[in-house]
Amino acid sequence: MKKNYNYARLDRGNFEYAPNKLVIGDRQIFNASAEEYAALGWLPIVKTEQPESGDGFYFTPTYAESNGKIVQSWEKVEYETEATEADYINALEDLGVDFGEERSVE
């Protein structure tokens, strides 16, 4: 489904872009107005310029609702310099790899 990147909502902290096509009853609306999006709980997004990254860090977008809008801001995230054995094992387990025995990784 195509997204409309100008409208979104926060549902229990999860950011979700609006669909490009709105369905209201038996009507399908393309190029919906701001009022039609608002009637279904979609709010306009206020976008901000991403700060410039530097050595060892980058910025990831965050969103918060304020005054009937979704406001974008940026959170600084530091790169992890080196993965540990535990990081690799945990990543593999998250992907469903079964090592066939109980493992204790710290």
Protein backbone atom coordinates (compact mmCIF):
# COMPACT_ATOMS: atom_id res chain seq x y z
CA MET A 1 0.00 0.00 0.00
CA LYS A 2 1.33 3.43 -0.90
CA LYS A 3 1.94 5.86 1.94
CA ASN A 4 1.27 9.56 2.32
CA TYR A 5 4.45 10.91 3.90
CA ASN A 6 2.79 14.19 4.92
CA TYR A 7 0.44 12.64 7.52
CA ALA A 8 0.99 10.17 10.34
CA ARG A 9 -0.16 9.09 13.77
CA LEU A 10 1.43 7.77 16.92
CA ASP A 11 -0.26 4.63 18.18
CA ARG A 12 1.10 3.63 21.62
CA GLY A 13 4.41 5.24 20.72
CA ASN A 14 4.62 3.61 17.28
CA PHE A 15 4.94 6.00 14.36
CA GLU A 16 2.82 5.14 11.31
CA TYR A 17 2.51 7.00 8.00
CA ALA A 18 -0.99 7.53 6.62
CA PRO A 19 -2.17 5.54 3.61
CA ASN A 20 -2.33 7.35 0.28
CA LYS A 21 -5.91 6.16 -0.22
CA LEU A 22 -8.45 6.74 2.54
CA VAL A 23 -11.48 4.52 2.92
CA ILE A 24 -14.49 6.11 4.60
CA GLY A 25 -17.50 3.82 4.57
CA ASP A 26 -17.90 2.66 0.99
CA ARG A 27 -15.91 5.61 -0.43
CA GLN A 28 -12.28 5.47 -1.51
CA ILE A 29 -10.63 8.88 -1.41
CA PHE A 30 -7.44 9.72 -3.27
CA ASN A 31 -5.80 13.13 -2.67
CA ALA A 32 -7.78 13.57 0.54
CA SER A 33 -7.94 16.94 2.25
CA ALA A 34 -6.36 17.73 5.61
CA GLU A 35 -9.83 17.63 7.15
CA GLU A 36 -10.48 14.12 5.81
CA TYR A 37 -7.15 12.89 7.20
CA ALA A 38 -7.85 14.57 10.55
CA ALA A 39 -11.31 12.95 10.73
CA LEU A 40 -9.60 9.55 10.69
CA GLY A 41 -6.96 10.52 13.27
CA TRP A 42 -4.08 11.31 10.89
CA LEU A 43 -2.08 14.42 11.76
CA PRO A 44 0.18 16.56 9.55
CA ILE A 45 3.91 16.01 9.98
CA VAL A 46 6.19 18.94 10.76
CA LYS A 47 9.55 17.90 9.31
CA THR A 48 12.85 19.34 10.49
CA GLU A 49 16.27 19.31 8.91
CA GLN A 50 18.52 16.46 9.99
CA PRO A 51 21.65 17.62 11.82
CA GLU A 52 24.96 16.71 10.26
CA SER A 53 26.47 13.46 11.50
CA GLY A 54 30.03 13.24 12.68
CA ASP A 55 32.65 10.64 13.46
CA GLY A 56 31.24 7.92 15.66
CA PHE A 57 27.59 8.97 15.60
CA TYR A 58 24.51 9.52 13.44
CA PHE A 59 21.01 10.91 13.96
CA THR A 60 17.75 8.98 13.87
CA PRO A 61 14.33 10.63 13.61
CA THR A 62 11.93 10.70 16.54
CA TYR A 63 8.33 11.90 16.53
CA ALA A 64 6.03 13.44 19.13
CA GLU A 65 2.49 14.78 18.97
CA SER A 66 2.16 18.48 19.74
CA ASN A 67 -0.73 20.88 19.10
CA GLY A 68 -2.50 18.60 16.65
CA LYS A 69 0.63 17.82 14.65
CA ILE A 70 3.36 15.18 14.57
CA VAL A 71 6.69 16.96 15.11
CA GLN A 72 9.93 15.36 13.92
CA SER A 73 13.11 15.79 15.94
CA TRP A 74 16.45 14.03 15.90
CA GLU A 75 18.21 11.78 18.41
CA LYS A 76 21.97 11.38 18.41
CA VAL A 77 23.06 7.73 18.30
CA GLU A 78 26.63 6.62 18.79
CA TYR A 79 27.97 3.81 16.65
CA GLU A 80 28.93 0.72 18.57
CA THR A 81 32.60 0.27 17.93
CA GLU A 82 32.89 -3.47 18.27
CA ALA A 83 30.41 -6.33 18.49
CA THR A 84 30.96 -8.93 21.18
CA GLU A 85 30.42 -12.67 20.92
CA ALA A 86 27.22 -12.19 22.91
CA ASP A 87 26.00 -9.64 20.34
CA TYR A 88 26.48 -12.17 17.52
CA ILE A 89 24.81 -15.01 19.42
CA ASN A 90 21.86 -12.83 20.41
CA ALA A 91 21.45 -11.63 16.81
CA LEU A 92 21.47 -15.19 15.51
CA GLU A 93 18.94 -16.28 18.13
CA ASP A 94 16.72 -13.31 17.16
CA LEU A 95 16.83 -14.67 13.60
CA GLY A 96 15.66 -18.08 14.83
CA VAL A 97 18.94 -20.00 14.96
CA ASP A 98 18.65 -22.83 17.47
CA PHE A 99 21.95 -23.87 19.00
CA GLY A 100 20.38 -27.04 20.39
CA GLU A 101 21.35 -26.35 23.99
CA GLU A 102 20.84 -23.76 26.67
CA ARG A 103 23.36 -20.93 26.36
CA SER A 104 24.23 -18.33 28.91
CA VAL A 105 25.79 -15.28 27.31
CA GLU A 106 26.80 -12.20 29.23
